[in-house]
Amino acid sequence: MANIQPLGDRVLLELCENKEQMKGGIFIPDSAQEKPQEFRVVALGTGKNDDNGNKIPFDVKVGDIVLTSRYGGTEVKVGDKEYKVVNQDDILAIVG
């Protein structure tokens, strides 16, 4: 795991390996595949406080597989691994 600790309501995500897609024997490159991508939650930030100073709990936990927009967040590459730091609100769904 990268030595990156997100702050506030941000979440550190690791890119899951995309399965190669074939349609009728033709390989579809990553750039032509659908925009949302699957990521694994690696770390959670320190949390966000509401107006009364109470911590707002995260909707995700470490290890969850989530979907996020390809162009949201900040991409970071450490070694050969790709990470993305996003606000919790930028996570579209948890993959069951």
N, C-alpha and C. Protein backbone atom coordinates (compact mmCIF):
# COMPACT_ATOMS: atom_id res chain seq x y z
N MET A 1 0.84 -1.18 0.00
CA MET A 1 0.00 0.00 0.00
C MET A 1 0.88 1.24 0.00
N ALA A 2 0.42 2.24 -0.69
CA ALA A 2 1.15 3.50 -0.75
C ALA A 2 1.09 4.20 0.60
N ASN A 3 2.08 5.00 0.88
CA ASN A 3 2.13 5.75 2.12
C ASN A 3 1.40 7.08 1.92
N ILE A 4 0.10 7.00 1.64
CA ILE A 4 -0.73 8.17 1.39
C ILE A 4 -1.89 8.13 2.36
N GLN A 5 -2.09 9.20 3.12
CA GLN A 5 -3.21 9.28 4.05
C GLN A 5 -4.12 10.42 3.63
N PRO A 6 -5.34 10.12 3.16
CA PRO A 6 -6.25 11.19 2.76
C PRO A 6 -6.72 12.00 3.97
N LEU A 7 -7.11 13.23 3.74
CA LEU A 7 -7.57 14.12 4.80
C LEU A 7 -9.05 14.44 4.60
N GLY A 8 -9.70 14.86 5.66
CA GLY A 8 -11.10 15.26 5.58
C GLY A 8 -11.99 14.11 5.13
N ASP A 9 -12.95 14.41 4.23
CA ASP A 9 -13.87 13.37 3.77
C ASP A 9 -13.39 12.73 2.47
N ARG A 10 -12.08 12.73 2.27
CA ARG A 10 -11.52 12.12 1.06
C ARG A 10 -11.23 10.64 1.29
N VAL A 11 -11.22 9.91 0.17
CA VAL A 11 -11.03 8.46 0.19
C VAL A 11 -9.93 8.12 -0.80
N LEU A 12 -8.99 7.25 -0.40
CA LEU A 12 -7.94 6.77 -1.29
C LEU A 12 -8.40 5.48 -1.93
N LEU A 13 -8.40 5.45 -3.27
CA LEU A 13 -8.87 4.30 -4.03
C LEU A 13 -7.73 3.74 -4.86
N GLU A 14 -7.70 2.41 -4.98
CA GLU A 14 -6.72 1.73 -5.83
C GLU A 14 -7.45 1.16 -7.04
N LEU A 15 -6.92 1.40 -8.22
CA LEU A 15 -7.54 0.94 -9.45
C LEU A 15 -7.56 -0.58 -9.48
N CYS A 16 -8.74 -1.16 -9.69
CA CYS A 16 -8.87 -2.60 -9.87
C CYS A 16 -8.51 -2.91 -11.31
N GLU A 17 -7.91 -4.06 -11.52
CA GLU A 17 -7.56 -4.47 -12.87
C GLU A 17 -8.82 -4.64 -13.69
N ASN A 18 -8.93 -3.92 -14.81
CA ASN A 18 -10.07 -4.07 -15.70
C ASN A 18 -9.90 -5.33 -16.52
N LYS A 19 -11.00 -6.03 -16.67
CA LYS A 19 -10.98 -7.21 -17.52
C LYS A 19 -11.04 -6.75 -18.97
N GLU A 20 -10.25 -7.37 -19.82
CA GLU A 20 -10.27 -7.01 -21.24
C GLU A 20 -11.63 -7.38 -21.81
N GLN A 21 -12.19 -6.47 -22.58
CA GLN A 21 -13.49 -6.73 -23.17
C GLN A 21 -13.34 -7.07 -24.64
N MET A 22 -14.09 -8.08 -25.06
CA MET A 22 -14.11 -8.51 -26.45
C MET A 22 -15.56 -8.44 -26.92
N LYS A 23 -15.76 -7.93 -28.10
CA LYS A 23 -17.08 -7.91 -28.74
C LYS A 23 -16.92 -8.48 -30.13
N GLY A 24 -17.51 -9.63 -30.38
CA GLY A 24 -17.43 -10.23 -31.70
C GLY A 24 -16.01 -10.51 -32.13
N GLY A 25 -15.12 -10.84 -31.17
CA GLY A 25 -13.73 -11.14 -31.51
C GLY A 25 -12.85 -9.91 -31.64
N ILE A 26 -13.39 -8.72 -31.39
CA ILE A 26 -12.63 -7.47 -31.50
C ILE A 26 -12.33 -6.96 -30.10
N PHE A 27 -11.06 -6.69 -29.82
CA PHE A 27 -10.64 -6.16 -28.53
C PHE A 27 -11.05 -4.69 -28.42
N ILE A 28 -11.67 -4.34 -27.29
CA ILE A 28 -12.07 -2.95 -27.05
C ILE A 28 -11.06 -2.34 -26.07
N PRO A 29 -10.26 -1.35 -26.48
CA PRO A 29 -9.25 -0.77 -25.60
C PRO A 29 -9.89 -0.01 -24.44
N ASP A 30 -9.09 0.20 -23.37
CA ASP A 30 -9.58 0.91 -22.19
C ASP A 30 -10.18 2.26 -22.53
N SER A 31 -9.58 2.97 -23.46
CA SER A 31 -10.05 4.32 -23.78
C SER A 31 -11.45 4.31 -24.40
N ALA A 32 -11.89 3.17 -24.95
CA ALA A 32 -13.21 3.09 -25.57
C ALA A 32 -14.24 2.44 -24.66
N GLN A 33 -13.80 1.94 -23.50
CA GLN A 33 -14.73 1.30 -22.59
C GLN A 33 -15.51 2.36 -21.82
N GLU A 34 -16.54 1.93 -21.13
CA GLU A 34 -17.39 2.87 -20.39
C GLU A 34 -16.57 3.67 -19.38
N LYS A 35 -17.02 4.88 -19.08
CA LYS A 35 -16.29 5.80 -18.23
C LYS A 35 -16.16 5.37 -16.77
N PRO A 36 -17.24 4.93 -16.07
CA PRO A 36 -17.03 4.56 -14.66
C PRO A 36 -16.05 3.40 -14.53
N GLN A 37 -15.28 3.42 -13.48
CA GLN A 37 -14.29 2.38 -13.26
C GLN A 37 -14.43 1.83 -11.85
N GLU A 38 -13.95 0.61 -11.66
CA GLU A 38 -13.98 -0.01 -10.34
C GLU A 38 -12.68 0.27 -9.60
N PHE A 39 -12.83 0.62 -8.33
CA PHE A 39 -11.69 0.88 -7.46
C PHE A 39 -11.93 0.16 -6.14
N ARG A 40 -10.83 -0.16 -5.46
CA ARG A 40 -10.90 -0.73 -4.12
C ARG A 40 -10.53 0.36 -3.13
N VAL A 41 -11.33 0.50 -2.07
CA VAL A 41 -11.05 1.51 -1.04
C VAL A 41 -9.84 1.05 -0.24
N VAL A 42 -8.79 1.91 -0.21
CA VAL A 42 -7.55 1.57 0.48
C VAL A 42 -7.46 2.28 1.82
N ALA A 43 -7.90 3.54 1.88
CA ALA A 43 -7.81 4.30 3.13
C ALA A 43 -8.90 5.37 3.16
N LEU A 44 -9.33 5.69 4.36
CA LEU A 44 -10.32 6.74 4.57
C LEU A 44 -9.65 7.94 5.23
N GLY A 45 -10.18 9.11 4.96
CA GLY A 45 -9.66 10.33 5.55
C GLY A 45 -10.01 10.45 7.02
N THR A 46 -9.79 11.62 7.55
CA THR A 46 -10.04 11.87 8.98
C THR A 46 -11.51 12.12 9.27
N GLY A 47 -12.32 12.34 8.24
CA GLY A 47 -13.75 12.54 8.41
C GLY A 47 -14.14 14.00 8.34
N LYS A 48 -15.42 14.21 8.19
CA LYS A 48 -15.97 15.55 8.08
C LYS A 48 -16.89 15.79 9.27
N ASN A 49 -16.98 17.02 9.75
CA ASN A 49 -17.85 17.35 10.87
C ASN A 49 -19.09 18.06 10.37
N ASP A 50 -20.23 17.80 11.04
CA ASP A 50 -21.45 18.53 10.71
C ASP A 50 -21.44 19.88 11.42
N ASP A 51 -22.52 20.62 11.33
CA ASP A 51 -22.58 21.96 11.92
C ASP A 51 -22.45 21.96 13.44
N ASN A 52 -22.77 20.83 14.08
CA ASN A 52 -22.68 20.73 15.55
C ASN A 52 -21.35 20.16 16.01
N GLY A 53 -20.44 19.89 15.09
CA GLY A 53 -19.13 19.35 15.46
C GLY A 53 -19.08 17.84 15.56
N ASN A 54 -20.17 17.15 15.21
CA ASN A 54 -20.19 15.69 15.26
C ASN A 54 -19.61 15.12 13.97
N LYS A 55 -18.84 14.03 14.10
CA LYS A 55 -18.26 13.38 12.92
C LYS A 55 -19.35 12.74 12.07
N ILE A 56 -19.26 12.93 10.77
CA ILE A 56 -20.17 12.29 9.83
C ILE A 56 -19.51 10.98 9.40
N PRO A 57 -20.17 9.84 9.61
CA PRO A 57 -19.55 8.56 9.26
C PRO A 57 -19.42 8.39 7.75
N PHE A 58 -18.41 7.63 7.34
CA PHE A 58 -18.21 7.31 5.93
C PHE A 58 -19.24 6.27 5.50
N ASP A 59 -19.67 6.35 4.23
CA ASP A 59 -20.60 5.37 3.67
C ASP A 59 -19.87 4.14 3.16
N VAL A 60 -18.55 4.22 3.03
CA VAL A 60 -17.74 3.10 2.54
C VAL A 60 -16.74 2.70 3.61
N LYS A 61 -16.16 1.51 3.45
CA LYS A 61 -15.13 1.06 4.39
C LYS A 61 -13.96 0.50 3.58
N VAL A 62 -12.82 0.38 4.21
CA VAL A 62 -11.63 -0.16 3.55
C VAL A 62 -11.95 -1.56 3.03
N GLY A 63 -11.60 -1.82 1.77
CA GLY A 63 -11.84 -3.11 1.15
C GLY A 63 -13.05 -3.12 0.23
N ASP A 64 -13.95 -2.13 0.34
CA ASP A 64 -15.11 -2.06 -0.55
C ASP A 64 -14.66 -1.83 -1.99
N ILE A 65 -15.40 -2.38 -2.93
CA ILE A 65 -15.19 -2.11 -4.35
C ILE A 65 -16.25 -1.07 -4.73
N VAL A 66 -15.81 0.04 -5.31
CA VAL A 66 -16.72 1.14 -5.61
C VAL A 66 -16.57 1.58 -7.06
N LEU A 67 -17.58 2.29 -7.55
CA LEU A 67 -17.53 2.89 -8.87
C LEU A 67 -17.40 4.40 -8.73
N THR A 68 -16.58 4.98 -9.56
CA THR A 68 -16.42 6.43 -9.58
C THR A 68 -16.21 6.87 -11.02
N SER A 69 -16.44 8.11 -11.28
CA SER A 69 -16.26 8.64 -12.62
C SER A 69 -14.78 8.61 -12.99
N ARG A 70 -14.49 8.36 -14.25
CA ARG A 70 -13.10 8.30 -14.71
C ARG A 70 -12.40 9.64 -14.50
N TYR A 71 -13.11 10.74 -14.66
CA TYR A 71 -12.47 12.05 -14.65
C TYR A 71 -12.58 12.77 -13.31
N GLY A 72 -13.20 12.16 -12.29
CA GLY A 72 -13.30 12.79 -10.98
C GLY A 72 -12.08 12.48 -10.14
N GLY A 73 -11.81 13.30 -9.15
CA GLY A 73 -10.72 13.05 -8.22
C GLY A 73 -9.35 13.38 -8.79
N THR A 74 -8.34 13.04 -8.01
CA THR A 74 -6.95 13.30 -8.38
C THR A 74 -6.23 11.97 -8.51
N GLU A 75 -5.65 11.72 -9.68
CA GLU A 75 -4.94 10.46 -9.92
C GLU A 75 -3.50 10.57 -9.44
N VAL A 76 -3.03 9.48 -8.80
CA VAL A 76 -1.68 9.41 -8.28
C VAL A 76 -1.11 8.06 -8.66
N LYS A 77 0.14 8.03 -9.13
CA LYS A 77 0.79 6.77 -9.47
C LYS A 77 2.00 6.60 -8.56
N VAL A 78 2.04 5.48 -7.83
CA VAL A 78 3.15 5.16 -6.95
C VAL A 78 3.69 3.81 -7.39
N GLY A 79 4.91 3.80 -7.92
CA GLY A 79 5.47 2.57 -8.49
C GLY A 79 4.65 2.17 -9.69
N ASP A 80 4.16 0.93 -9.69
CA ASP A 80 3.34 0.47 -10.81
C ASP A 80 1.85 0.46 -10.48
N LYS A 81 1.48 1.01 -9.32
CA LYS A 81 0.07 1.02 -8.91
C LYS A 81 -0.53 2.40 -9.12
N GLU A 82 -1.79 2.40 -9.54
CA GLU A 82 -2.51 3.65 -9.77
C GLU A 82 -3.54 3.84 -8.66
N TYR A 83 -3.56 5.05 -8.11
CA TYR A 83 -4.49 5.41 -7.05
C TYR A 83 -5.27 6.64 -7.48
N LYS A 84 -6.38 6.86 -6.78
CA LYS A 84 -7.18 8.06 -7.01
C LYS A 84 -7.65 8.54 -5.64
N VAL A 85 -7.56 9.85 -5.41
CA VAL A 85 -8.07 10.46 -4.18
C VAL A 85 -9.34 11.22 -4.57
N VAL A 86 -10.47 10.85 -3.96
CA VAL A 86 -11.75 11.47 -4.27
C VAL A 86 -12.45 11.89 -2.99
N ASN A 87 -13.35 12.86 -3.11
CA ASN A 87 -14.26 13.16 -2.01
C ASN A 87 -15.26 12.02 -1.92
N GLN A 88 -15.74 11.74 -0.72
CA GLN A 88 -16.70 10.66 -0.56
C GLN A 88 -17.92 10.88 -1.47
N ASP A 89 -18.31 12.13 -1.69
CA ASP A 89 -19.47 12.43 -2.54
C ASP A 89 -19.24 12.06 -4.01
N ASP A 90 -17.98 11.87 -4.42
CA ASP A 90 -17.67 11.51 -5.81
C ASP A 90 -17.79 10.02 -6.08
N ILE A 91 -18.02 9.22 -5.03
CA ILE A 91 -18.20 7.78 -5.21
C ILE A 91 -19.64 7.54 -5.65
N LEU A 92 -19.80 6.86 -6.78
CA LEU A 92 -21.12 6.67 -7.37
C LEU A 92 -21.89 5.50 -6.76
N ALA A 93 -21.18 4.40 -6.45
CA ALA A 93 -21.86 3.20 -5.94
C ALA A 93 -20.86 2.24 -5.33
N ILE A 94 -21.37 1.35 -4.46
CA ILE A 94 -20.60 0.25 -3.94
C ILE A 94 -21.00 -0.98 -4.74
N VAL A 95 -20.02 -1.72 -5.25
CA VAL A 95 -20.30 -2.93 -6.04
C VAL A 95 -20.47 -4.08 -5.08
N GLY A 96 -21.63 -4.74 -5.13
CA GLY A 96 -21.97 -5.82 -4.20
C GLY A 96 -21.22 -7.04 -4.48
